[in-house]
Amino acid sequence: MNTVDPEEPRADGTGGEGSGRPADDIDAEFARLMEGISLDDAPLTVEDVLSEPSEEDSEPTVAVVATSVVSAKALAGVVRLGREAREDGIDIPAGTRTLDTETGAIAAGPLAEAAAHDLAAIASTALQRNGIVLFWRRGDRMTATRYKNGERGEDISPAIVLGAVDDLVEELLLGATDLAELGEGLDPAALSRAEALEWIASGKKRK
């Protein structure tokens, strides 16, 4: 009959109260498992993950508002007055500039999608019944949206309307021409109301 006291450790060092490995062995095993792991590094939180820019967010964007306005100077004044006419408080997006093309002035900038639609809404508010088209691209995604009288209209295939605008618009959207290559253009946000009215009056004819 075995008379070994169950509370005393066995010859191999295990056993005793609670059974299992000796405390020294457990500590050593834990130390081995934790080797190279720093508890000083805080784990990622949901906020950390959401705040990190996605690959899509890092892709360059370009927005082009195509109009029939005769000159970039007149369009800059139009956009400035369009902002004033709106009651929802949206502002001219930073980075917007107006440029001349053979088929009409454009307003363009490296804008996020929401800002691009704000710009189109502002421009079409001042132009009232004259429709405009907003083109927007990020990476492989390209969209075209009609705007009229300050309201968003239908989304259409860019290919359908690109043929009606200057080749420069397509070049910008495809990345063949960079906005930086076109110079600073005209900043409508920098105009006062009086200057906007003057620019519209003096910009009715392309020089």
Protein backbone atom coordinates (compact mmCIF):
# COMPACT_ATOMS: atom_id res chain seq x y z
CA MET A 1 0.00 0.00 0.00
CA ASN A 2 1.38 3.39 -0.98
CA THR A 3 1.90 5.51 2.08
CA VAL A 4 3.19 8.68 0.33
CA ASP A 5 1.58 11.76 1.81
CA PRO A 6 -0.37 13.51 -1.05
CA GLU A 7 0.55 16.88 0.46
CA GLU A 8 4.30 16.23 0.13
CA PRO A 9 6.15 16.76 -3.17
CA ARG A 10 7.19 13.71 -5.17
CA ALA A 11 10.77 12.88 -5.94
CA ASP A 12 10.49 14.46 -9.42
CA GLY A 13 9.67 17.80 -7.88
CA THR A 14 5.99 17.85 -8.83
CA GLY A 15 3.04 17.33 -6.60
CA GLY A 16 2.49 18.88 -3.26
CA GLU A 17 -0.47 21.07 -2.48
CA GLY A 18 -2.37 21.90 -5.65
CA SER A 19 -0.21 19.45 -7.64
CA GLY A 20 1.45 20.45 -10.97
CA ARG A 21 4.83 22.02 -11.65
CA PRO A 22 6.85 23.81 -8.98
CA ALA A 23 6.48 27.58 -8.91
CA ASP A 24 10.04 28.06 -10.18
CA ASP A 25 9.33 25.98 -13.30
CA ILE A 26 6.10 27.89 -14.03
CA ASP A 27 7.88 31.22 -13.70
CA ALA A 28 10.62 30.06 -16.04
CA GLU A 29 8.12 28.83 -18.64
CA PHE A 30 6.16 32.10 -18.48
CA ALA A 31 9.39 34.06 -18.92
CA ARG A 32 10.26 31.95 -21.97
CA LEU A 33 6.85 32.55 -23.55
CA MET A 34 7.04 36.28 -22.94
CA GLU A 35 10.55 36.64 -24.33
CA GLY A 36 10.69 39.48 -26.87
CA ILE A 37 7.19 40.74 -25.99
CA SER A 38 6.97 44.25 -24.55
CA LEU A 39 4.04 45.08 -22.32
CA ASP A 40 4.89 48.74 -22.78
CA ASP A 41 3.29 48.69 -26.24
CA ALA A 42 -0.42 49.41 -25.80
CA PRO A 43 -2.75 47.23 -27.86
CA LEU A 44 -4.53 48.76 -30.87
CA THR A 45 -7.98 50.12 -30.18
CA VAL A 46 -10.90 50.51 -32.59
CA GLU A 47 -10.16 54.24 -32.71
CA ASP A 48 -6.55 53.54 -33.68
CA VAL A 49 -7.61 51.35 -36.59
CA LEU A 50 -10.26 53.78 -37.84
CA SER A 51 -7.90 56.74 -37.65
CA GLU A 52 -5.23 55.12 -39.78
CA PRO A 53 -5.53 56.25 -43.42
CA SER A 54 -6.67 53.52 -45.77
CA GLU A 55 -4.89 52.82 -49.02
CA GLU A 56 -7.81 54.40 -50.87
CA ASP A 57 -7.58 57.60 -48.81
CA SER A 58 -3.94 57.99 -49.79
CA GLU A 59 -4.74 57.97 -53.52
CA PRO A 60 -4.74 61.40 -55.19
CA THR A 61 -8.09 62.93 -56.12
CA VAL A 62 -9.12 65.48 -58.71
CA ALA A 63 -12.41 67.30 -59.21
CA VAL A 64 -13.37 69.26 -62.33
CA VAL A 65 -16.55 71.31 -62.68
CA ALA A 66 -17.13 71.89 -66.39
CA THR A 67 -19.18 74.97 -67.32
CA SER A 68 -20.09 77.08 -70.33
CA VAL A 69 -18.88 80.28 -68.63
CA VAL A 70 -16.71 82.12 -71.12
CA SER A 71 -13.69 82.84 -68.91
CA ALA A 72 -11.96 81.69 -65.73
CA LYS A 73 -12.22 85.23 -64.37
CA ALA A 74 -15.99 85.29 -64.77
CA LEU A 75 -16.32 81.80 -63.28
CA ALA A 76 -14.31 82.81 -60.23
CA GLY A 77 -16.79 85.62 -59.63
CA VAL A 78 -19.71 83.24 -60.22
CA VAL A 79 -18.43 80.75 -57.65
CA ARG A 80 -17.85 83.51 -55.09
CA LEU A 81 -21.42 84.80 -55.48
CA GLY A 82 -22.80 81.27 -55.49
CA ARG A 83 -21.37 80.69 -52.03
CA GLU A 84 -23.06 83.85 -50.79
CA ALA A 85 -26.39 82.87 -52.33
CA ARG A 86 -26.61 79.52 -50.57
CA GLU A 87 -28.32 79.26 -47.21
CA ASP A 88 -26.82 75.94 -46.07
CA GLY A 89 -23.45 77.43 -45.11
CA ILE A 90 -21.26 75.31 -47.38
CA ASP A 91 -18.03 77.05 -48.32
CA ILE A 92 -15.77 77.06 -51.35
CA PRO A 93 -13.40 74.11 -50.81
CA ALA A 94 -9.77 74.99 -50.18
CA GLY A 95 -7.61 74.33 -53.23
CA THR A 96 -10.28 75.37 -55.75
CA ARG A 97 -9.09 77.38 -58.73
CA THR A 98 -10.71 78.41 -62.01
CA LEU A 99 -9.02 77.88 -65.38
CA ASP A 100 -9.74 78.67 -69.01
CA THR A 101 -10.42 75.98 -71.62
CA GLU A 102 -11.63 76.21 -75.23
CA THR A 103 -15.11 74.92 -74.36
CA GLY A 104 -15.67 77.00 -71.24
CA ALA A 105 -14.07 77.75 -67.91
CA ILE A 106 -13.59 74.99 -65.35
CA ALA A 107 -13.29 74.99 -61.58
CA ALA A 108 -10.88 72.34 -60.40
CA GLY A 109 -8.91 71.14 -57.41
CA PRO A 110 -7.51 68.09 -55.59
CA LEU A 111 -10.75 67.69 -53.66
CA ALA A 112 -12.30 64.86 -51.68
CA GLU A 113 -15.63 63.62 -53.02
CA ALA A 114 -17.84 65.55 -50.57
CA ALA A 115 -15.91 68.78 -51.18
CA ALA A 116 -16.20 68.28 -54.94
CA HIS A 117 -19.98 68.09 -54.67
CA ASP A 118 -20.00 71.20 -52.48
CA LEU A 119 -18.12 73.08 -55.19
CA ALA A 120 -20.53 71.93 -57.89
CA ALA A 121 -23.53 72.93 -55.80
CA ILE A 122 -22.08 76.40 -55.17
CA ALA A 123 -21.22 77.01 -58.83
CA SER A 124 -24.59 75.84 -60.12
CA THR A 125 -26.43 78.00 -57.59
CA ALA A 126 -25.09 81.16 -59.22
CA LEU A 127 -25.52 79.80 -62.75
CA GLN A 128 -29.14 78.90 -61.97
CA ARG A 129 -30.65 77.27 -65.05
CA ASN A 130 -27.35 76.68 -66.84
CA GLY A 131 -26.42 73.09 -66.15
CA ILE A 132 -22.91 72.03 -65.26
CA VAL A 133 -21.16 68.68 -64.88
CA LEU A 134 -18.95 67.60 -62.00
CA PHE A 135 -16.23 65.09 -62.84
CA TRP A 136 -14.42 63.40 -59.94
CA ARG A 137 -11.70 60.76 -59.82
CA ARG A 138 -9.84 58.80 -57.17
CA GLY A 139 -7.62 55.98 -58.41
CA ASP A 140 -9.58 53.83 -60.85
CA ARG A 141 -12.92 55.32 -59.84
CA MET A 142 -14.31 58.12 -62.00
CA THR A 143 -17.78 59.68 -61.76
CA ALA A 144 -19.77 62.38 -63.54
CA THR A 145 -22.78 64.14 -62.02
CA ARG A 146 -25.07 66.80 -63.44
CA TYR A 147 -25.93 69.88 -61.37
CA LYS A 148 -28.53 72.53 -62.09
CA ASN A 149 -29.81 75.49 -60.09
CA GLY A 150 -27.80 74.41 -57.06
CA GLU A 151 -29.26 70.90 -56.98
CA ARG A 152 -27.61 67.58 -57.66
CA GLY A 153 -28.99 65.77 -60.68
CA GLU A 154 -28.34 62.39 -62.23
CA ASP A 155 -25.08 60.46 -62.23
CA ILE A 156 -24.01 59.69 -65.77
CA SER A 157 -21.21 57.83 -67.51
CA PRO A 158 -18.17 60.11 -67.82
CA ALA A 159 -17.58 58.77 -71.33
CA ILE A 160 -20.91 60.22 -72.47
CA VAL A 161 -20.08 63.81 -71.53
CA LEU A 162 -16.28 63.96 -71.87
CA GLY A 163 -16.65 64.36 -75.61
CA ALA A 164 -18.46 67.66 -75.10
CA VAL A 165 -15.72 69.32 -73.04
CA ASP A 166 -12.14 70.36 -73.70
CA ASP A 167 -9.54 67.58 -73.89
CA LEU A 168 -7.87 69.15 -70.86
CA VAL A 169 -10.66 67.83 -68.63
CA GLU A 170 -10.01 64.26 -69.69
CA GLU A 171 -6.26 64.74 -69.33
CA LEU A 172 -6.73 65.94 -65.75
CA LEU A 173 -9.01 63.04 -64.91
CA LEU A 174 -6.68 60.46 -66.41
CA GLY A 175 -3.58 61.97 -64.83
CA ALA A 176 -2.00 62.85 -68.18
CA THR A 177 -1.90 66.48 -67.01
CA ASP A 178 -1.38 67.51 -63.41
CA LEU A 179 -3.16 70.48 -61.88
CA ALA A 180 0.20 71.85 -60.79
CA GLU A 181 1.23 72.13 -64.45
CA LEU A 182 -1.59 74.58 -65.10
CA GLY A 183 -0.43 77.22 -62.66
CA GLU A 184 -2.28 78.72 -59.73
CA GLY A 185 -5.37 79.73 -61.70
CA LEU A 186 -7.82 82.07 -59.96
CA ASP A 187 -8.99 81.55 -56.39
CA PRO A 188 -12.69 82.47 -56.04
CA ALA A 189 -12.54 82.32 -52.24
CA ALA A 190 -10.12 85.27 -52.20
CA LEU A 191 -12.63 87.66 -53.81
CA SER A 192 -14.87 90.17 -52.10
CA ARG A 193 -18.43 90.52 -53.31
CA ALA A 194 -17.60 93.73 -55.16
CA GLU A 195 -14.60 92.09 -56.82
CA ALA A 196 -16.73 89.11 -57.82
CA LEU A 197 -19.26 91.37 -59.55
CA GLU A 198 -16.44 93.25 -61.30
CA TRP A 199 -14.80 90.02 -62.44
CA ILE A 200 -18.07 88.72 -63.86
CA ALA A 201 -18.62 91.95 -65.78
CA SER A 202 -15.06 92.15 -67.09
CA GLY A 203 -14.75 88.45 -67.77
CA LYS A 204 -17.70 88.06 -70.11
CA LYS A 205 -15.35 88.07 -73.06
CA ARG A 206 -12.38 85.75 -73.28
CA LYS A 207 -9.19 87.71 -73.74
